[in-house]
Amino acid sequence: MFRINRIYYAMRKSNVHTGIIVACTIAIILGGLVRVAVGQHAVTWDKIGTKRVDYTIDRDVIDLKDSPVAYNGLKLKVGEGTINIHKVTVHFVNGETQDVSLPDVLSKDNDGQFIDLKGNQRKLTKIVFWYDTKNSNKEKALVEVWARK
Protein backbone atom coordinates (compact mmCIF):
# COMPACT_ATOMS: atom_id res chain seq x y z
CA MET A 1 0.00 0.00 0.00
CA PHE A 2 2.85 2.35 0.84
CA ARG A 3 4.36 1.72 -2.59
CA ILE A 4 1.07 2.53 -4.35
CA ASN A 5 0.80 5.85 -2.51
CA ARG A 6 4.37 6.75 -3.52
CA ILE A 7 3.62 5.95 -7.15
CA TYR A 8 0.37 7.94 -6.99
CA TYR A 9 2.10 11.03 -5.50
CA ALA A 10 4.98 10.74 -7.98
CA MET A 11 2.50 10.65 -10.87
CA ARG A 12 0.57 13.55 -9.44
CA LYS A 13 3.75 15.56 -8.95
CA SER A 14 4.92 14.89 -12.51
CA ASN A 15 1.48 15.91 -13.87
CA VAL A 16 1.76 19.20 -11.99
CA HIS A 17 5.22 19.84 -13.47
CA THR A 18 4.02 18.81 -16.92
CA GLY A 19 1.02 21.11 -16.57
CA ILE A 20 3.24 24.02 -15.57
CA ILE A 21 5.57 23.39 -18.51
CA VAL A 22 2.63 23.16 -20.93
CA ALA A 23 1.06 26.34 -19.53
CA CYS A 24 4.36 28.25 -19.83
CA THR A 25 4.87 27.02 -23.39
CA ILE A 26 1.38 28.12 -24.39
CA ALA A 27 1.92 31.54 -22.77
CA ILE A 28 5.19 32.04 -24.67
CA ILE A 29 3.60 31.05 -27.98
CA LEU A 30 0.58 33.33 -27.44
CA GLY A 31 2.83 36.20 -26.40
CA GLY A 32 4.79 35.82 -29.64
CA LEU A 33 1.60 35.71 -31.72
CA VAL A 34 0.27 38.88 -30.07
CA ARG A 35 3.58 40.65 -30.74
CA VAL A 36 3.46 39.60 -34.41
CA ALA A 37 -0.20 40.68 -34.77
CA VAL A 38 0.47 44.08 -33.21
CA GLY A 39 3.55 44.55 -35.39
CA GLN A 40 1.53 43.93 -38.54
CA HIS A 41 -0.85 46.78 -37.72
CA ALA A 42 1.77 49.33 -36.73
CA VAL A 43 1.00 52.77 -38.13
CA THR A 44 3.85 54.41 -40.01
CA TRP A 45 4.08 57.95 -41.34
CA ASP A 46 6.07 59.18 -44.35
CA LYS A 47 7.03 62.83 -44.74
CA ILE A 48 5.96 63.46 -48.34
CA GLY A 49 6.56 67.18 -48.66
CA THR A 50 7.59 70.48 -47.13
CA LYS A 51 6.62 73.92 -48.40
CA ARG A 52 7.44 77.49 -47.32
CA VAL A 53 4.25 79.56 -47.64
CA ASP A 54 4.45 83.05 -49.14
CA TYR A 55 2.62 86.12 -47.83
CA THR A 56 0.35 86.30 -50.86
CA ILE A 57 -2.09 83.60 -51.90
CA ASP A 58 0.10 80.70 -52.89
CA ARG A 59 -0.66 77.53 -54.81
CA ASP A 60 1.72 74.71 -54.03
CA VAL A 61 1.73 71.17 -55.38
CA ILE A 62 3.24 68.13 -53.73
CA ASP A 63 3.91 65.72 -56.59
CA LEU A 64 3.69 61.98 -55.83
CA LYS A 65 3.34 60.53 -59.34
CA ASP A 66 6.31 58.17 -58.93
CA SER A 67 5.31 56.90 -55.49
CA PRO A 68 4.10 53.27 -55.47
CA VAL A 69 2.97 53.57 -51.85
CA ALA A 70 -0.72 53.59 -50.87
CA TYR A 71 -1.83 55.82 -47.99
CA ASN A 72 -4.98 56.04 -45.89
CA GLY A 73 -4.53 59.44 -44.29
CA LEU A 74 -2.65 62.73 -44.38
CA LYS A 75 -1.53 65.18 -41.72
CA LEU A 76 -0.59 68.85 -42.12
CA LYS A 77 1.90 70.24 -39.64
CA VAL A 78 2.79 73.90 -39.39
CA GLY A 79 6.31 74.35 -38.06
CA GLU A 80 6.61 78.12 -38.13
CA GLY A 81 4.15 80.95 -38.52
CA THR A 82 0.43 80.72 -39.17
CA ILE A 83 -1.36 79.97 -42.43
CA ASN A 84 -4.76 80.74 -43.88
CA ILE A 85 -6.11 77.66 -45.65
CA HIS A 86 -8.18 78.43 -48.74
CA LYS A 87 -8.44 75.01 -50.35
CA VAL A 88 -6.79 71.57 -50.32
CA THR A 89 -7.41 68.98 -53.03
CA VAL A 90 -6.00 65.44 -53.05
CA HIS A 91 -5.60 63.77 -56.46
CA PHE A 92 -5.60 59.96 -56.76
CA VAL A 93 -4.07 57.63 -59.36
CA ASN A 94 -7.50 56.59 -60.66
CA GLY A 95 -8.34 60.22 -61.54
CA GLU A 96 -10.63 60.91 -58.57
CA THR A 97 -10.14 63.93 -56.33
CA GLN A 98 -11.04 64.68 -52.73
CA ASP A 99 -11.52 68.25 -51.50
CA VAL A 100 -10.42 68.46 -47.89
CA SER A 101 -12.11 70.50 -45.18
CA LEU A 102 -9.69 72.03 -42.65
CA PRO A 103 -9.86 74.91 -40.17
CA ASP A 104 -9.39 78.28 -41.88
CA VAL A 105 -6.29 79.04 -39.82
CA LEU A 106 -3.52 76.58 -38.91
CA SER A 107 -0.53 77.22 -36.67
CA LYS A 108 1.82 75.17 -34.52
CA ASP A 109 -0.83 75.41 -31.77
CA ASN A 110 -3.48 73.54 -33.78
CA ASP A 111 -1.43 71.76 -36.41
CA GLY A 112 -1.37 68.05 -37.05
CA GLN A 113 -4.81 68.14 -38.67
CA PHE A 114 -5.63 64.59 -39.77
CA ILE A 115 -7.20 64.06 -43.19
CA ASP A 116 -8.93 60.73 -43.69
CA LEU A 117 -8.62 59.60 -47.30
CA LYS A 118 -11.84 58.16 -48.70
CA GLY A 119 -11.51 54.56 -49.81
CA ASN A 120 -8.85 53.62 -47.24
CA GLN A 121 -5.59 52.63 -49.01
CA ARG A 122 -5.19 55.07 -51.91
CA LYS A 123 -2.31 55.88 -54.24
CA LEU A 124 -1.83 59.61 -54.66
CA THR A 125 -0.58 61.58 -57.66
CA LYS A 126 -0.52 65.02 -56.05
CA ILE A 127 -1.85 67.29 -53.33
CA VAL A 128 -2.70 70.89 -54.26
CA PHE A 129 -2.82 73.64 -51.61
CA TRP A 130 -4.11 77.18 -51.83
CA TYR A 131 -3.02 79.17 -48.79
CA ASP A 132 -1.13 82.20 -47.51
CA THR A 133 0.78 83.21 -44.41
CA LYS A 134 -1.42 85.04 -41.94
CA ASN A 135 -0.60 88.76 -42.11
CA SER A 136 -0.04 89.17 -38.37
CA ASN A 137 3.09 87.00 -38.62
CA LYS A 138 6.47 88.34 -39.61
CA GLU A 139 7.76 84.94 -40.68
CA LYS A 140 6.68 82.75 -43.54
CA ALA A 141 5.02 79.57 -42.41
CA LEU A 142 6.65 76.18 -42.96
CA VAL A 143 4.18 73.41 -43.77
CA GLU A 144 4.98 69.70 -43.64
CA VAL A 145 2.73 67.07 -45.17
CA TRP A 146 2.84 63.56 -43.70
CA ALA A 147 1.08 60.48 -45.11
CA ARG A 148 -0.04 57.46 -43.10
CA LYS A 149 0.41 53.95 -44.49
C-alpha atoms as a PDB file:
ATOM      1  CA  MET A   1       0.000   0.000   0.000  1.00  0.00           C
ATOM      2  CA  PHE A   2       2.852   2.354   0.841  1.00  0.00           C
ATOM      3  CA  ARG A   3       4.364   1.719  -2.593  1.00  0.00           C
ATOM      4  CA  ILE A   4       1.074   2.532  -4.352  1.00  0.00           C
ATOM      5  CA  ASN A   5       0.802   5.852  -2.513  1.00  0.00           C
ATOM      6  CA  ARG A   6       4.373   6.750  -3.518  1.00  0.00           C
ATOM      7  CA  ILE A   7       3.624   5.950  -7.152  1.00  0.00           C
ATOM      8  CA  TYR A   8       0.374   7.939  -6.986  1.00  0.00           C
ATOM      9  CA  TYR A   9       2.099  11.031  -5.504  1.00  0.00           C
ATOM     10  CA  ALA A  10       4.976  10.742  -7.977  1.00  0.00           C
ATOM     11  CA  MET A  11       2.502  10.652 -10.873  1.00  0.00           C
ATOM     12  CA  ARG A  12       0.574  13.548  -9.444  1.00  0.00           C
ATOM     13  CA  LYS A  13       3.751  15.564  -8.953  1.00  0.00           C
ATOM     14  CA  SER A  14       4.919  14.890 -12.510  1.00  0.00           C
ATOM     15  CA  ASN A  15       1.482  15.912 -13.866  1.00  0.00           C
ATOM     16  CA  VAL A  16       1.763  19.198 -11.995  1.00  0.00           C
ATOM     17  CA  HIS A  17       5.215  19.836 -13.467  1.00  0.00           C
ATOM     18  CA  THR A  18       4.022  18.807 -16.916  1.00  0.00           C
ATOM     19  CA  GLY A  19       1.019  21.109 -16.566  1.00  0.00           C
ATOM     20  CA  ILE A  20       3.238  24.022 -15.573  1.00  0.00           C
ATOM     21  CA  ILE A  21       5.565  23.388 -18.506  1.00  0.00           C
ATOM     22  CA  VAL A  22       2.628  23.157 -20.927  1.00  0.00           C
ATOM     23  CA  ALA A  23       1.061  26.342 -19.535  1.00  0.00           C
ATOM     24  CA  CYS A  24       4.360  28.252 -19.833  1.00  0.00           C
ATOM     25  CA  THR A  25       4.873  27.021 -23.390  1.00  0.00           C
ATOM     26  CA  ILE A  26       1.378  28.118 -24.389  1.00  0.00           C
ATOM     27  CA  ALA A  27       1.922  31.535 -22.769  1.00  0.00           C
ATOM     28  CA  ILE A  28       5.190  32.039 -24.667  1.00  0.00           C
ATOM     29  CA  ILE A  29       3.603  31.055 -27.984  1.00  0.00           C
ATOM     30  CA  LEU A  30       0.579  33.329 -27.438  1.00  0.00           C
ATOM     31  CA  GLY A  31       2.834  36.203 -26.403  1.00  0.00           C
ATOM     32  CA  GLY A  32       4.788  35.823 -29.642  1.00  0.00           C
ATOM     33  CA  LEU A  33       1.602  35.715 -31.715  1.00  0.00           C
ATOM     34  CA  VAL A  34       0.273  38.875 -30.074  1.00  0.00           C
ATOM     35  CA  ARG A  35       3.576  40.646 -30.744  1.00  0.00           C
ATOM     36  CA  VAL A  36       3.456  39.602 -34.410  1.00  0.00           C
ATOM     37  CA  ALA A  37      -0.201  40.676 -34.774  1.00  0.00           C
ATOM     38  CA  VAL A  38       0.472  44.079 -33.209  1.00  0.00           C
ATOM     39  CA  GLY A  39       3.547  44.554 -35.391  1.00  0.00           C
ATOM     40  CA  GLN A  40       1.528  43.932 -38.542  1.00  0.00           C
ATOM     41  CA  HIS A  41      -0.852  46.777 -37.716  1.00  0.00           C
ATOM     42  CA  ALA A  42       1.767  49.332 -36.733  1.00  0.00           C
ATOM     43  CA  VAL A  43       1.000  52.772 -38.135  1.00  0.00           C
ATOM     44  CA  THR A  44       3.852  54.413 -40.005  1.00  0.00           C
ATOM     45  CA  TRP A  45       4.081  57.948 -41.343  1.00  0.00           C
ATOM     46  CA  ASP A  46       6.070  59.183 -44.349  1.00  0.00           C
ATOM     47  CA  LYS A  47       7.025  62.825 -44.741  1.00  0.00           C
ATOM     48  CA  ILE A  48       5.956  63.456 -48.338  1.00  0.00           C
ATOM     49  CA  GLY A  49       6.556  67.179 -48.664  1.00  0.00           C
ATOM     50  CA  THR A  50       7.593  70.482 -47.133  1.00  0.00           C
ATOM     51  CA  LYS A  51       6.623  73.923 -48.400  1.00  0.00           C
ATOM     52  CA  ARG A  52       7.443  77.488 -47.324  1.00  0.00           C
ATOM     53  CA  VAL A  53       4.250  79.559 -47.641  1.00  0.00           C
ATOM     54  CA  ASP A  54       4.452  83.046 -49.144  1.00  0.00           C
ATOM     55  CA  TYR A  55       2.618  86.119 -47.830  1.00  0.00           C
ATOM     56  CA  THR A  56       0.353  86.300 -50.859  1.00  0.00           C
ATOM     57  CA  ILE A  57      -2.092  83.596 -51.895  1.00  0.00           C
ATOM     58  CA  ASP A  58       0.099  80.705 -52.888  1.00  0.00           C
ATOM     59  CA  ARG A  59      -0.665  77.531 -54.815  1.00  0.00           C
ATOM     60  CA  ASP A  60       1.720  74.706 -54.031  1.00  0.00           C
ATOM     61  CA  VAL A  61       1.726  71.167 -55.384  1.00  0.00           C
ATOM     62  CA  ILE A  62       3.242  68.129 -53.729  1.00  0.00           C
ATOM     63  CA  ASP A  63       3.908  65.720 -56.589  1.00  0.00           C
ATOM     64  CA  LEU A  64       3.686  61.984 -55.833  1.00  0.00           C
ATOM     65  CA  LYS A  65       3.345  60.526 -59.340  1.00  0.00           C
ATOM     66  CA  ASP A  66       6.308  58.168 -58.934  1.00  0.00           C
ATOM     67  CA  SER A  67       5.312  56.899 -55.494  1.00  0.00           C
ATOM     68  CA  PRO A  68       4.098  53.274 -55.475  1.00  0.00           C
ATOM     69  CA  VAL A  69       2.970  53.570 -51.847  1.00  0.00           C
ATOM     70  CA  ALA A  70      -0.715  53.595 -50.875  1.00  0.00           C
ATOM     71  CA  TYR A  71      -1.827  55.821 -47.994  1.00  0.00           C
ATOM     72  CA  ASN A  72      -4.980  56.043 -45.892  1.00  0.00           C
ATOM     73  CA  GLY A  73      -4.527  59.443 -44.289  1.00  0.00           C
ATOM     74  CA  LEU A  74      -2.647  62.734 -44.381  1.00  0.00           C
ATOM     75  CA  LYS A  75      -1.532  65.177 -41.723  1.00  0.00           C
ATOM     76  CA  LEU A  76      -0.586  68.847 -42.119  1.00  0.00           C
ATOM     77  CA  LYS A  77       1.905  70.236 -39.635  1.00  0.00           C
ATOM     78  CA  VAL A  78       2.786  73.902 -39.392  1.00  0.00           C
ATOM     79  CA  GLY A  79       6.315  74.352 -38.063  1.00  0.00           C
ATOM     80  CA  GLU A  80       6.611  78.122 -38.126  1.00  0.00           C
ATOM     81  CA  GLY A  81       4.151  80.945 -38.515  1.00  0.00           C
ATOM     82  CA  THR A  82       0.434  80.717 -39.169  1.00  0.00           C
ATOM     83  CA  ILE A  83      -1.362  79.973 -42.428  1.00  0.00           C
ATOM     84  CA  ASN A  84      -4.759  80.735 -43.878  1.00  0.00           C
ATOM     85  CA  ILE A  85      -6.109  77.659 -45.651  1.00  0.00           C
ATOM     86  CA  HIS A  86      -8.182  78.431 -48.739  1.00  0.00           C
ATOM     87  CA  LYS A  87      -8.438  75.009 -50.350  1.00  0.00           C
ATOM     88  CA  VAL A  88      -6.785  71.573 -50.318  1.00  0.00           C
ATOM     89  CA  THR A  89      -7.410  68.976 -53.034  1.00  0.00           C
ATOM     90  CA  VAL A  90      -5.999  65.445 -53.052  1.00  0.00           C
ATOM     91  CA  HIS A  91      -5.602  63.769 -56.462  1.00  0.00           C
ATOM     92  CA  PHE A  92      -5.602  59.961 -56.756  1.00  0.00           C
ATOM     93  CA  VAL A  93      -4.070  57.634 -59.359  1.00  0.00           C
ATOM     94  CA  ASN A  94      -7.503  56.588 -60.656  1.00  0.00           C
ATOM     95  CA  GLY A  95      -8.341  60.223 -61.537  1.00  0.00           C
ATOM     96  CA  GLU A  96     -10.625  60.910 -58.571  1.00  0.00           C
ATOM     97  CA  THR A  97     -10.135  63.929 -56.330  1.00  0.00           C
ATOM     98  CA  GLN A  98     -11.035  64.684 -52.730  1.00  0.00           C
ATOM     99  CA  ASP A  99     -11.524  68.253 -51.498  1.00  0.00           C
ATOM    100  CA  VAL A 100     -10.421  68.464 -47.890  1.00  0.00           C
ATOM    101  CA  SER A 101     -12.108  70.498 -45.183  1.00  0.00           C
ATOM    102  CA  LEU A 102      -9.693  72.034 -42.653  1.00  0.00           C
ATOM    103  CA  PRO A 103      -9.861  74.906 -40.174  1.00  0.00           C
ATOM    104  CA  ASP A 104      -9.389  78.276 -41.883  1.00  0.00           C
ATOM    105  CA  VAL A 105      -6.288  79.045 -39.821  1.00  0.00           C
ATOM    106  CA  LEU A 106      -3.523  76.580 -38.912  1.00  0.00           C
ATOM    107  CA  SER A 107      -0.533  77.218 -36.667  1.00  0.00           C
ATOM    108  CA  LYS A 108       1.817  75.168 -34.521  1.00  0.00           C
ATOM    109  CA  ASP A 109      -0.826  75.410 -31.772  1.00  0.00           C
ATOM    110  CA  ASN A 110      -3.476  73.544 -33.781  1.00  0.00           C
ATOM    111  CA  ASP A 111      -1.425  71.757 -36.408  1.00  0.00           C
ATOM    112  CA  GLY A 112      -1.375  68.049 -37.053  1.00  0.00           C
ATOM    113  CA  GLN A 113      -4.806  68.137 -38.668  1.00  0.00           C
ATOM    114  CA  PHE A 114      -5.633  64.588 -39.769  1.00  0.00           C
ATOM    115  CA  ILE A 115      -7.196  64.063 -43.191  1.00  0.00           C
ATOM    116  CA  ASP A 116      -8.930  60.725 -43.687  1.00  0.00           C
ATOM    117  CA  LEU A 117      -8.620  59.602 -47.302  1.00  0.00           C
ATOM    118  CA  LYS A 118     -11.839  58.161 -48.696  1.00  0.00           C
ATOM    119  CA  GLY A 119     -11.512  54.562 -49.806  1.00  0.00           C
ATOM    120  CA  ASN A 120      -8.852  53.618 -47.243  1.00  0.00           C
ATOM    121  CA  GLN A 121      -5.585  52.628 -49.006  1.00  0.00           C
ATOM    122  CA  ARG A 122      -5.188  55.075 -51.906  1.00  0.00           C
ATOM    123  CA  LYS A 123      -2.309  55.877 -54.236  1.00  0.00           C
ATOM    124  CA  LEU A 124      -1.829  59.607 -54.663  1.00  0.00           C
ATOM    125  CA  THR A 125      -0.584  61.583 -57.658  1.00  0.00           C
ATOM    126  CA  LYS A 126      -0.516  65.020 -56.051  1.00  0.00           C
ATOM    127  CA  ILE A 127      -1.848  67.287 -53.330  1.00  0.00           C
ATOM    128  CA  VAL A 128      -2.700  70.890 -54.257  1.00  0.00           C
ATOM    129  CA  PHE A 129      -2.815  73.636 -51.611  1.00  0.00           C
ATOM    130  CA  TRP A 130      -4.113  77.183 -51.834  1.00  0.00           C
ATOM    131  CA  TYR A 131      -3.017  79.166 -48.789  1.00  0.00           C
ATOM    132  CA  ASP A 132      -1.127  82.198 -47.507  1.00  0.00           C
ATOM    133  CA  THR A 133       0.783  83.206 -44.407  1.00  0.00           C
ATOM    134  CA  LYS A 134      -1.416  85.042 -41.936  1.00  0.00           C
ATOM    135  CA  ASN A 135      -0.603  88.760 -42.113  1.00  0.00           C
ATOM    136  CA  SER A 136      -0.040  89.169 -38.370  1.00  0.00           C
ATOM    137  CA  ASN A 137       3.088  86.999 -38.616  1.00  0.00           C
ATOM    138  CA  LYS A 138       6.466  88.341 -39.610  1.00  0.00           C
ATOM    139  CA  GLU A 139       7.758  84.937 -40.682  1.00  0.00           C
ATOM    140  CA  LYS A 140       6.675  82.746 -43.538  1.00  0.00           C
ATOM    141  CA  ALA A 141       5.016  79.565 -42.413  1.00  0.00           C
ATOM    142  CA  LEU A 142       6.650  76.179 -42.957  1.00  0.00           C
ATOM    143  CA  VAL A 143       4.179  73.414 -43.768  1.00  0.00           C
ATOM    144  CA  GLU A 144       4.984  69.699 -43.636  1.00  0.00           C
ATOM    145  CA  VAL A 145       2.735  67.071 -45.166  1.00  0.00           C
ATOM    146  CA  TRP A 146       2.837  63.563 -43.695  1.00  0.00           C
ATOM    147  CA  ALA A 147       1.082  60.483 -45.111  1.00  0.00           C
ATOM    148  CA  ARG A 148      -0.040  57.455 -43.104  1.00  0.00           C
ATOM    149  CA  LYS A 149       0.411  53.954 -44.495  1.00  0.00           C
END
